[in-house]
C-alpha atoms as a PDB file:
ATOM      1  CA  MET A   1     -31.103-128.544 101.364  1.00  0.00           C
ATOM      2  CA  PRO A   2     -29.149-129.110  98.670  1.00  0.00           C
ATOM      3  CA  THR A   3     -25.817-129.426  97.733  1.00  0.00           C
ATOM      4  CA  PRO A   4     -23.605-129.656  94.678  1.00  0.00           C
ATOM      5  CA  THR A   5     -24.096-133.535  94.650  1.00  0.00           C
ATOM      6  CA  SER A   6     -27.555-133.683  94.619  1.00  0.00           C
ATOM      7  CA  PRO A   7     -29.599-135.382  91.847  1.00  0.00           C
ATOM      8  CA  ILE A   8     -31.593-132.899  89.270  1.00  0.00           C
ATOM      9  CA  GLY A   9     -35.095-134.328  88.913  1.00  0.00           C
ATOM     10  CA  VAL A  10     -36.489-135.363  86.258  1.00  0.00           C
ATOM     11  CA  PHE A  11     -40.066-136.161  84.935  1.00  0.00           C
ATOM     12  CA  ASP A  12     -42.956-136.685  82.822  1.00  0.00           C
ATOM     13  CA  SER A  13     -45.965-138.480  82.331  1.00  0.00           C
ATOM     14  CA  GLY A  14     -44.716-141.395  81.055  1.00  0.00           C
ATOM     15  CA  ILE A  15     -40.831-142.551  78.732  1.00  0.00           C
ATOM     16  CA  GLY A  16     -40.703-139.668  76.285  1.00  0.00           C
ATOM     17  CA  GLY A  17     -38.791-137.573  78.933  1.00  0.00           C
ATOM     18  CA  LEU A  18     -36.531-140.199  78.569  1.00  0.00           C
ATOM     19  CA  SER A  19     -34.967-138.860  75.526  1.00  0.00           C
ATOM     20  CA  VAL A  20     -34.571-135.445  77.864  1.00  0.00           C
ATOM     21  CA  LEU A  21     -32.918-137.280  80.024  1.00  0.00           C
ATOM     22  CA  GLN A  22     -30.515-138.621  77.224  1.00  0.00           C
ATOM     23  CA  ALA A  23     -29.816-135.244  76.514  1.00  0.00           C
ATOM     24  CA  LEU A  24     -28.888-134.177  80.102  1.00  0.00           C
ATOM     25  CA  ARG A  25     -26.587-137.559  80.376  1.00  0.00           C
ATOM     26  CA  GLU A  26     -24.424-136.413  77.241  1.00  0.00           C
ATOM     27  CA  VAL A  27     -24.612-132.143  78.554  1.00  0.00           C
ATOM     28  CA  LEU A  28     -23.961-133.234  82.329  1.00  0.00           C
ATOM     29  CA  PRO A  29     -22.293-136.578  82.374  1.00  0.00           C
ATOM     30  CA  GLY A  30     -20.993-136.171  86.143  1.00  0.00           C
ATOM     31  CA  GLU A  31     -24.551-135.563  86.951  1.00  0.00           C
ATOM     32  CA  ARG A  32     -26.861-137.459  89.347  1.00  0.00           C
ATOM     33  CA  PHE A  33     -30.731-138.174  87.879  1.00  0.00           C
ATOM     34  CA  VAL A  34     -34.032-139.059  89.328  1.00  0.00           C
ATOM     35  CA  TYR A  35     -36.299-139.803  86.667  1.00  0.00           C
ATOM     36  CA  LEU A  36     -40.213-140.569  87.318  1.00  0.00           C
ATOM     37  CA  ALA A  37     -42.325-141.758  84.748  1.00  0.00           C
ATOM     38  CA  ASP A  38     -45.967-140.485  85.766  1.00  0.00           C
ATOM     39  CA  SER A  39     -47.321-143.414  83.170  1.00  0.00           C
ATOM     40  CA  GLY A  40     -49.831-144.616  85.829  1.00  0.00           C
ATOM     41  CA  ASN A  41     -51.548-140.906  84.716  1.00  0.00           C
ATOM     42  CA  ALA A  42     -50.212-141.018  80.879  1.00  0.00           C
ATOM     43  CA  PRO A  43     -50.637-139.242  78.660  1.00  0.00           C
ATOM     44  CA  TYR A  44     -51.297-136.533  79.722  1.00  0.00           C
ATOM     45  CA  GLY A  45     -52.060-134.873  76.659  1.00  0.00           C
ATOM     46  CA  GLU A  46     -55.800-136.367  77.178  1.00  0.00           C
ATOM     47  CA  ARG A  47     -56.208-134.706  80.203  1.00  0.00           C
ATOM     48  CA  GLY A  48     -57.530-131.176  81.710  1.00  0.00           C
ATOM     49  CA  ASP A  49     -54.917-128.727  82.596  1.00  0.00           C
ATOM     50  CA  ALA A  50     -55.845-128.834  86.902  1.00  0.00           C
ATOM     51  CA  PHE A  51     -55.173-132.169  86.836  1.00  0.00           C
ATOM     52  CA  VAL A  52     -52.002-131.970  84.835  1.00  0.00           C
ATOM     53  CA  GLN A  53     -51.218-129.169  87.469  1.00  0.00           C
ATOM     54  CA  ALA A  54     -52.271-130.908  90.752  1.00  0.00           C
ATOM     55  CA  ARG A  55     -50.292-134.082  88.893  1.00  0.00           C
ATOM     56  CA  SER A  56     -47.188-131.979  88.786  1.00  0.00           C
ATOM     57  CA  ALA A  57     -47.395-130.355  91.728  1.00  0.00           C
ATOM     58  CA  ARG A  58     -48.011-133.887  94.056  1.00  0.00           C
ATOM     59  CA  ILE A  59     -44.661-135.163  91.876  1.00  0.00           C
ATOM     60  CA  THR A  60     -42.269-131.588  92.720  1.00  0.00           C
ATOM     61  CA  ASP A  61     -42.926-132.348  96.167  1.00  0.00           C
ATOM     62  CA  TRP A  62     -41.724-136.821  96.227  1.00  0.00           C
ATOM     63  CA  MET A  63     -39.028-135.295  94.177  1.00  0.00           C
ATOM     64  CA  ARG A  64     -38.189-132.238  96.779  1.00  0.00           C
ATOM     65  CA  SER A  65     -38.399-134.249 100.068  1.00  0.00           C
ATOM     66  CA  GLN A  66     -37.344-137.842  98.910  1.00  0.00           C
ATOM     67  CA  HIS A  67     -34.343-137.040  96.443  1.00  0.00           C
ATOM     68  CA  ASP A  68     -33.627-133.603  97.536  1.00  0.00           C
ATOM     69  CA  VAL A  69     -33.463-132.613  94.604  1.00  0.00           C
ATOM     70  CA  LYS A  70     -30.891-129.872  93.161  1.00  0.00           C
ATOM     71  CA  ALA A  71     -33.134-128.676  90.029  1.00  0.00           C
ATOM     72  CA  LEU A  72     -36.264-129.753  88.276  1.00  0.00           C
ATOM     73  CA  VAL A  73     -36.758-130.299  84.864  1.00  0.00           C
ATOM     74  CA  ILE A  74     -40.444-130.610  83.547  1.00  0.00           C
ATOM     75  CA  ALA A  75     -40.215-133.501  79.902  1.00  0.00           C
ATOM     76  CA  CYS A  76     -43.402-133.077  79.404  1.00  0.00           C
ATOM     77  CA  ASN A  77     -44.332-130.065  76.859  1.00  0.00           C
ATOM     78  CA  THR A  78     -47.881-130.806  78.579  1.00  0.00           C
ATOM     79  CA  ALA A  79     -47.139-130.347  81.817  1.00  0.00           C
ATOM     80  CA  THR A  80     -44.583-127.792  80.527  1.00  0.00           C
ATOM     81  CA  ALA A  81     -47.206-125.811  79.312  1.00  0.00           C
ATOM     82  CA  ALA A  82     -49.924-126.150  82.145  1.00  0.00           C
ATOM     83  CA  ALA A  83     -48.337-126.424  85.335  1.00  0.00           C
ATOM     84  CA  ILE A  84     -44.846-124.489  85.446  1.00  0.00           C
ATOM     85  CA  ASP A  85     -45.681-121.255  85.908  1.00  0.00           C
ATOM     86  CA  GLY A  86     -47.517-122.277  89.399  1.00  0.00           C
ATOM     87  CA  LEU A  87     -44.474-124.515  90.068  1.00  0.00           C
ATOM     88  CA  ARG A  88     -42.019-121.414  90.395  1.00  0.00           C
ATOM     89  CA  ASP A  89     -44.102-119.975  91.992  1.00  0.00           C
ATOM     90  CA  GLY A  90     -44.248-122.974  94.663  1.00  0.00           C
ATOM     91  CA  ASN A  91     -40.980-123.551  94.990  1.00  0.00           C
ATOM     92  CA  THR A  92     -38.507-120.599  94.836  1.00  0.00           C
ATOM     93  CA  GLY A  93     -35.396-121.154  94.857  1.00  0.00           C
ATOM     94  CA  LEU A  94     -35.552-124.232  92.871  1.00  0.00           C
ATOM     95  CA  PRO A  95     -34.351-123.664  88.686  1.00  0.00           C
ATOM     96  CA  ILE A  96     -37.214-125.527  86.900  1.00  0.00           C
ATOM     97  CA  ILE A  97     -36.517-125.925  83.528  1.00  0.00           C
ATOM     98  CA  GLY A  98     -39.567-126.894  80.960  1.00  0.00           C
ATOM     99  CA  VAL A  99     -39.617-128.047  77.610  1.00  0.00           C
ATOM    100  CA  GLU A 100     -41.956-126.613  74.808  1.00  0.00           C
ATOM    101  CA  PRO A 101     -41.479-127.364  71.403  1.00  0.00           C
ATOM    102  CA  ALA A 102     -39.159-125.600  69.344  1.00  0.00           C
ATOM    103  CA  LEU A 103     -40.544-123.222  67.613  1.00  0.00           C
ATOM    104  CA  LYS A 104     -37.803-120.674  67.229  1.00  0.00           C
ATOM    105  CA  PRO A 105     -35.583-122.240  65.946  1.00  0.00           C
ATOM    106  CA  ALA A 106     -37.179-124.144  63.511  1.00  0.00           C
ATOM    107  CA  ALA A 107     -38.121-121.103  61.843  1.00  0.00           C
ATOM    108  CA  LEU A 108     -35.049-119.327  62.416  1.00  0.00           C
ATOM    109  CA  HIS A 109     -33.562-123.277  60.563  1.00  0.00           C
ATOM    110  CA  SER A 110     -36.199-123.363  57.672  1.00  0.00           C
ATOM    111  CA  LYS A 111     -35.871-121.585  53.697  1.00  0.00           C
ATOM    112  CA  THR A 112     -39.406-122.362  52.721  1.00  0.00           C
ATOM    113  CA  HIS A 113     -40.181-120.182  56.238  1.00  0.00           C
ATOM    114  CA  LYS A 114     -43.262-122.915  56.315  1.00  0.00           C
ATOM    115  CA  VAL A 115     -42.816-125.330  60.175  1.00  0.00           C
ATOM    116  CA  GLY A 116     -44.343-128.074  60.585  1.00  0.00           C
ATOM    117  CA  VAL A 117     -45.580-128.740  64.069  1.00  0.00           C
ATOM    118  CA  ILE A 118     -46.969-132.269  65.922  1.00  0.00           C
ATOM    119  CA  ALA A 119     -47.294-132.558  69.420  1.00  0.00           C
ATOM    120  CA  THR A 120     -50.490-133.364  71.728  1.00  0.00           C
ATOM    121  CA  GLN A 121     -53.724-131.610  72.762  1.00  0.00           C
ATOM    122  CA  GLY A 122     -52.883-130.210  75.548  1.00  0.00           C
ATOM    123  CA  THR A 123     -49.855-128.794  74.184  1.00  0.00           C
ATOM    124  CA  VAL A 124     -51.224-127.231  71.178  1.00  0.00           C
ATOM    125  CA  SER A 125     -54.582-126.211  72.469  1.00  0.00           C
ATOM    126  CA  SER A 126     -52.521-124.173  75.657  1.00  0.00           C
ATOM    127  CA  HIS A 127     -52.488-120.805  76.186  1.00  0.00           C
ATOM    128  CA  ARG A 128     -48.575-121.032  76.189  1.00  0.00           C
ATOM    129  CA  PHE A 129     -48.276-122.669  72.811  1.00  0.00           C
ATOM    130  CA  ALA A 130     -50.535-119.731  71.819  1.00  0.00           C
ATOM    131  CA  ALA A 131     -47.980-116.859  72.483  1.00  0.00           C
ATOM    132  CA  LEU A 132     -44.919-119.048  70.962  1.00  0.00           C
ATOM    133  CA  GLN A 133     -46.762-119.447  67.817  1.00  0.00           C
ATOM    134  CA  ALA A 134     -47.619-115.608  67.407  1.00  0.00           C
ATOM    135  CA  ALA A 135     -44.313-114.854  68.830  1.00  0.00           C
ATOM    136  CA  ASN A 136     -42.341-116.121  65.656  1.00  0.00           C
ATOM    137  CA  SER A 137     -45.088-116.536  62.730  1.00  0.00           C
ATOM    138  CA  ALA A 138     -43.529-112.893  61.120  1.00  0.00           C
ATOM    139  CA  HIS A 139     -42.184-114.790  58.603  1.00  0.00           C
ATOM    140  CA  THR A 140     -43.442-118.273  59.489  1.00  0.00           C
ATOM    141  CA  GLN A 141     -46.109-120.341  58.470  1.00  0.00           C
ATOM    142  CA  PHE A 142     -46.643-122.706  61.221  1.00  0.00           C
ATOM    143  CA  VAL A 143     -48.950-126.222  59.778  1.00  0.00           C
ATOM    144  CA  VAL A 144     -49.747-128.005  63.597  1.00  0.00           C
ATOM    145  CA  GLN A 145     -51.422-130.990  64.053  1.00  0.00           C
ATOM    146  CA  ALA A 146     -52.192-132.359  67.410  1.00  0.00           C
ATOM    147  CA  CYS A 147     -51.921-136.193  67.366  1.00  0.00           C
ATOM    148  CA  ALA A 148     -54.140-138.293  69.481  1.00  0.00           C
ATOM    149  CA  GLY A 149     -53.021-141.440  70.600  1.00  0.00           C
ATOM    150  CA  LEU A 150     -49.060-141.583  69.079  1.00  0.00           C
ATOM    151  CA  ALA A 151     -48.042-140.744  72.528  1.00  0.00           C
ATOM    152  CA  ARG A 152     -50.156-143.291  73.851  1.00  0.00           C
ATOM    153  CA  ALA A 153     -48.885-146.135  70.788  1.00  0.00           C
ATOM    154  CA  ILE A 154     -45.284-145.152  71.901  1.00  0.00           C
ATOM    155  CA  GLU A 155     -46.027-145.438  75.114  1.00  0.00           C
ATOM    156  CA  ASP A 156     -47.005-148.627  74.731  1.00  0.00           C
ATOM    157  CA  SER A 157     -44.293-150.159  72.597  1.00  0.00           C
ATOM    158  CA  THR A 158     -42.159-150.880  75.797  1.00  0.00           C
ATOM    159  CA  ARG A 159     -44.783-153.544  76.946  1.00  0.00           C
ATOM    160  CA  PRO A 160     -43.357-156.504  76.451  1.00  0.00           C
ATOM    161  CA  SER A 161     -47.798-157.655  76.319  1.00  0.00           C
ATOM    162  CA  ILE A 162     -47.972-156.262  73.310  1.00  0.00           C
ATOM    163  CA  PRO A 163     -46.247-157.716  69.823  1.00  0.00           C
ATOM    164  CA  ALA A 164     -43.713-155.095  68.284  1.00  0.00           C
ATOM    165  CA  SER A 165     -44.970-155.881  65.263  1.00  0.00           C
ATOM    166  CA  GLN A 166     -49.076-155.184  66.628  1.00  0.00           C
ATOM    167  CA  ASN A 167     -47.357-151.479  67.870  1.00  0.00           C
ATOM    168  CA  ALA A 168     -44.804-150.846  65.402  1.00  0.00           C
ATOM    169  CA  THR A 169     -48.029-150.790  62.949  1.00  0.00           C
ATOM    170  CA  GLN A 170     -49.431-148.590  65.318  1.00  0.00           C
ATOM    171  CA  ILE A 171     -47.328-145.803  65.506  1.00  0.00           C
ATOM    172  CA  THR A 172     -46.625-145.975  61.360  1.00  0.00           C
ATOM    173  CA  ALA A 173     -50.428-146.102  60.914  1.00  0.00           C
ATOM    174  CA  LEU A 174     -50.874-142.618  63.084  1.00  0.00           C
ATOM    175  CA  CYS A 175     -47.181-141.200  61.890  1.00  0.00           C
ATOM    176  CA  ALA A 176     -48.824-141.794  58.389  1.00  0.00           C
ATOM    177  CA  GLN A 177     -52.461-140.365  59.510  1.00  0.00           C
ATOM    178  CA  TYR A 178     -50.647-136.976  61.201  1.00  0.00           C
ATOM    179  CA  THR A 179     -47.948-136.113  58.626  1.00  0.00           C
ATOM    180  CA  SER A 180     -50.408-136.291  55.731  1.00  0.00           C
ATOM    181  CA  ALA A 181     -53.108-134.642  56.618  1.00  0.00           C
ATOM    182  CA  MET A 182     -50.333-132.009  57.456  1.00  0.00           C
ATOM    183  CA  GLY A 183     -49.939-131.246  53.269  1.00  0.00           C
ATOM    184  CA  ARG A 184     -46.560-131.981  50.937  1.00  0.00           C
ATOM    185  CA  PHE A 185     -43.243-132.310  52.680  1.00  0.00           C
ATOM    186  CA  GLY A 186     -39.632-131.077  50.518  1.00  0.00           C
ATOM    187  CA  SER A 187     -37.396-128.252  49.926  1.00  0.00           C
ATOM    188  CA  GLU A 188     -39.248-126.630  47.585  1.00  0.00           C
ATOM    189  CA  PRO A 189     -41.587-122.955  47.662  1.00  0.00           C
ATOM    190  CA  GLY A 190     -44.188-124.076  49.789  1.00  0.00           C
ATOM    191  CA  GLN A 191     -42.905-127.412  51.200  1.00  0.00           C
ATOM    192  CA  ILE A 192     -42.922-127.705  54.948  1.00  0.00           C
ATOM    193  CA  ASP A 193     -38.910-128.489  55.272  1.00  0.00           C
ATOM    194  CA  THR A 194     -38.998-128.365  59.268  1.00  0.00           C
ATOM    195  CA  LEU A 195     -40.624-130.509  61.613  1.00  0.00           C
ATOM    196  CA  VAL A 196     -40.868-129.596  65.521  1.00  0.00           C
ATOM    197  CA  LEU A 197     -41.371-132.429  67.158  1.00  0.00           C
ATOM    198  CA  GLY A 198     -43.543-131.108  70.438  1.00  0.00           C
ATOM    199  CA  CYS A 199     -43.579-134.196  72.385  1.00  0.00           C
ATOM    200  CA  THR A 200     -40.546-136.146  73.815  1.00  0.00           C
ATOM    201  CA  HIS A 201     -42.130-139.581  73.356  1.00  0.00           C
ATOM    202  CA  TYR A 202     -41.874-138.553  69.849  1.00  0.00           C
ATOM    203  CA  VAL A 203     -38.087-138.397  69.447  1.00  0.00           C
ATOM    204  CA  PHE A 204     -38.895-142.088  69.459  1.00  0.00           C
ATOM    205  CA  ALA A 205     -40.922-142.567  66.552  1.00  0.00           C
ATOM    206  CA  ALA A 206     -37.865-139.935  64.616  1.00  0.00           C
ATOM    207  CA  ASP A 207     -37.699-142.545  61.718  1.00  0.00           C
ATOM    208  CA  THR A 208     -40.654-143.766  60.933  1.00  0.00           C
ATOM    209  CA  LEU A 209     -41.146-140.099  60.803  1.00  0.00           C
ATOM    210  CA  ARG A 210     -38.273-139.680  58.827  1.00  0.00           C
ATOM    211  CA  SER A 211     -39.033-142.155  56.310  1.00  0.00           C
ATOM    212  CA  LEU A 212     -42.746-140.356  55.912  1.00  0.00           C
ATOM    213  CA  VAL A 213     -41.447-136.874  55.378  1.00  0.00           C
ATOM    214  CA  GLY A 214     -38.728-137.294  53.132  1.00  0.00           C
ATOM    215  CA  PRO A 215     -34.688-137.010  54.068  1.00  0.00           C
ATOM    216  CA  GLU A 216     -34.753-133.375  53.199  1.00  0.00           C
ATOM    217  CA  VAL A 217     -37.137-132.698  55.891  1.00  0.00           C
ATOM    218  CA  THR A 218     -35.658-131.233  58.993  1.00  0.00           C
ATOM    219  CA  LEU A 219     -36.982-133.394  62.599  1.00  0.00           C
ATOM    220  CA  VAL A 220     -36.216-130.609  65.273  1.00  0.00           C
ATOM    221  CA  ASP A 221     -37.083-131.648  69.168  1.00  0.00           C
ATOM    222  CA  THR A 222     -35.599-130.182  72.170  1.00  0.00           C
ATOM    223  CA  GLY A 223     -33.455-132.096  74.028  1.00  0.00           C
ATOM    224  CA  THR A 224     -30.034-130.770  73.409  1.00  0.00           C
ATOM    225  CA  PRO A 225     -31.317-126.883  74.130  1.00  0.00           C
ATOM    226  CA  VAL A 226     -32.794-128.018  77.970  1.00  0.00           C
ATOM    227  CA  ALA A 227     -29.713-129.384  78.892  1.00  0.00           C
ATOM    228  CA  ARG A 228     -27.758-126.487  77.998  1.00  0.00           C
ATOM    229  CA  ARG A 229     -30.441-124.817  79.650  1.00  0.00           C
ATOM    230  CA  THR A 230     -30.036-126.609  82.587  1.00  0.00           C
ATOM    231  CA  TYR A 231     -26.304-126.990  83.205  1.00  0.00           C
ATOM    232  CA  SER A 232     -26.441-122.480  82.430  1.00  0.00           C
ATOM    233  CA  LEU A 233     -28.714-122.283  85.722  1.00  0.00           C
ATOM    234  CA  LEU A 234     -26.654-124.340  87.560  1.00  0.00           C
ATOM    235  CA  HIS A 235     -23.398-123.022  86.761  1.00  0.00           C
ATOM    236  CA  ALA A 236     -24.743-119.806  87.878  1.00  0.00           C
ATOM    237  CA  THR A 237     -25.425-120.871  91.139  1.00  0.00           C
ATOM    238  CA  GLY A 238     -22.440-122.580  91.984  1.00  0.00           C
ATOM    239  CA  MET A 239     -23.995-126.118  91.661  1.00  0.00           C
ATOM    240  CA  LEU A 240     -22.366-128.044  89.112  1.00  0.00           C
ATOM    241  CA  ARG A 241     -21.072-131.532  90.632  1.00  0.00           C
ATOM    242  CA  LYS A 242     -17.439-132.040  90.064  1.00  0.00           C
ATOM    243  CA  GLN A 243     -16.900-133.739  86.652  1.00  0.00           C
ATOM    244  CA  ASP A 244     -13.983-136.002  86.655  1.00  0.00           C
ATOM    245  CA  VAL A 245     -13.400-138.806  85.318  1.00  0.00           C
ATOM    246  CA  GLU A 246     -14.338-140.558  88.644  1.00  0.00           C
ATOM    247  CA  ALA A 247     -18.204-138.887  88.994  1.00  0.00           C
ATOM    248  CA  GLY A 248     -18.064-139.907  84.529  1.00  0.00           C
ATOM    249  CA  ALA A 249     -17.207-143.600  85.045  1.00  0.00           C
ATOM    250  CA  ALA A 250     -20.166-143.590  87.553  1.00  0.00           C
ATOM    251  CA  ALA A 251     -23.319-142.081  85.535  1.00  0.00           C
ATOM    252  CA  LEU A 252     -24.373-145.168  84.624  1.00  0.00           C
ATOM    253  CA  GLU A 253     -25.130-146.412  88.440  1.00  0.00           C
ATOM    254  CA  ALA A 254     -26.197-142.124  89.385  1.00  0.00           C
ATOM    255  CA  CYS A 255     -29.106-142.322  87.048  1.00  0.00           C
ATOM    256  CA  GLN A 256     -32.043-143.483  89.147  1.00  0.00           C
ATOM    257  CA  LEU A 257     -35.827-144.225  87.336  1.00  0.00           C
ATOM    258  CA  PHE A 258     -38.913-144.704  89.246  1.00  0.00           C
ATOM    259  CA  THR A 259     -42.387-145.494  87.413  1.00  0.00           C
ATOM    260  CA  THR A 260     -46.032-145.556  88.790  1.00  0.00           C
ATOM    261  CA  GLY A 261     -47.242-147.256  86.473  1.00  0.00           C
ATOM    262  CA  ASP A 262     -45.411-151.278  84.553  1.00  0.00           C
ATOM    263  CA  VAL A 263     -41.378-151.153  85.958  1.00  0.00           C
ATOM    264  CA  SER A 264     -41.195-153.451  83.580  1.00  0.00           C
ATOM    265  CA  ALA A 265     -41.926-151.737  80.313  1.00  0.00           C
ATOM    266  CA  LEU A 266     -39.883-148.469  82.440  1.00  0.00           C
ATOM    267  CA  ARG A 267     -36.300-151.119  82.529  1.00  0.00           C
ATOM    268  CA  HIS A 268     -36.963-152.068  78.883  1.00  0.00           C
ATOM    269  CA  ALA A 269     -36.928-148.633  77.468  1.00  0.00           C
ATOM    270  CA  ALA A 270     -34.284-148.170  79.939  1.00  0.00           C
ATOM    271  CA  GLU A 271     -31.930-150.628  78.690  1.00  0.00           C
ATOM    272  CA  GLN A 272     -33.165-150.014  74.825  1.00  0.00           C
ATOM    273  CA  TRP A 273     -33.168-146.484  74.440  1.00  0.00           C
ATOM    274  CA  LEU A 274     -30.660-145.500  77.131  1.00  0.00           C
ATOM    275  CA  GLY A 275     -28.722-148.087  77.327  1.00  0.00           C
ATOM    276  CA  LEU A 276     -28.983-148.613  81.332  1.00  0.00           C
ATOM    277  CA  PRO A 277     -29.741-151.697  83.248  1.00  0.00           C
ATOM    278  CA  ALA A 278     -32.853-152.352  83.769  1.00  0.00           C
ATOM    279  CA  THR A 279     -31.907-152.485  87.999  1.00  0.00           C
ATOM    280  CA  CYS A 280     -32.069-149.198  87.683  1.00  0.00           C
ATOM    281  CA  ALA A 281     -35.912-148.780  86.816  1.00  0.00           C
ATOM    282  CA  SER A 282     -37.995-149.414  90.360  1.00  0.00           C
ATOM    283  CA  SER A 283     -42.243-148.723  90.934  1.00  0.00           C
ATOM    284  CA  ALA A 284     -43.055-145.309  93.032  1.00  0.00           C
ATOM    285  CA  ILE A 285     -46.055-144.983  94.545  1.00  0.00           C
ATOM    286  CA  ILE A 286     -47.653-141.298  94.780  1.00  0.00           C
ATOM    287  CA  ALA A 287     -51.005-140.666  95.453  1.00  0.00           C
END
């Protein structure tokens, strides 16, 4: 049975969920984390719901049986949309926190009442996204763009076998293609003044996106709200780990990363984006 010292599990179809893990480590500095990048099956956004549901269930079983996690964060918009209800039904007693595009905060922030949303096809086609959009459309127009290939390109950017310049060119081209298809960005009436990053991978292309949409446009992601929600749930159930100085100092050693894909890519991402040592990443086989 999990205890307050048990780790928090986090999973994504690949390395995009590291953006959520980064926020979790900032909000919960004394906690232990187990992160799984299911890169051998990425990206989920180009898979069907049945596959994502089955895969999410298998990963949850692995997190519970191998690491006795006290909470599970689904750091993937597509997996949240397709699988979170079933996972909660099948894992009563385990807090399960999902991510979804931050449409409500974006709608509240927008001055032009026109908000752009970029996400995977799997996310924008889901019933969960449709309900979320409908619930926040009373005073806001959402311009929704599915971005085929962008999550994959960002995933590939961590692979040493692909030249960095080649990958950066591809990411920039895809970002330019999709943002230009959405219309005009800016702070004037009728322009999109807020852009929702509806895939955790996209956070790692934020600089490129900002250069394309302009400095007046606000980019919104979900990492910090998810981290705060995780904190609240653990606090309410008395499952927070004592966050003293010693625990904080040990945080780097308390982060285990696993991947079903290329471990060198995960190690590179961990060093580049989280400042973690490459030794914290290992391969995992989850049949």
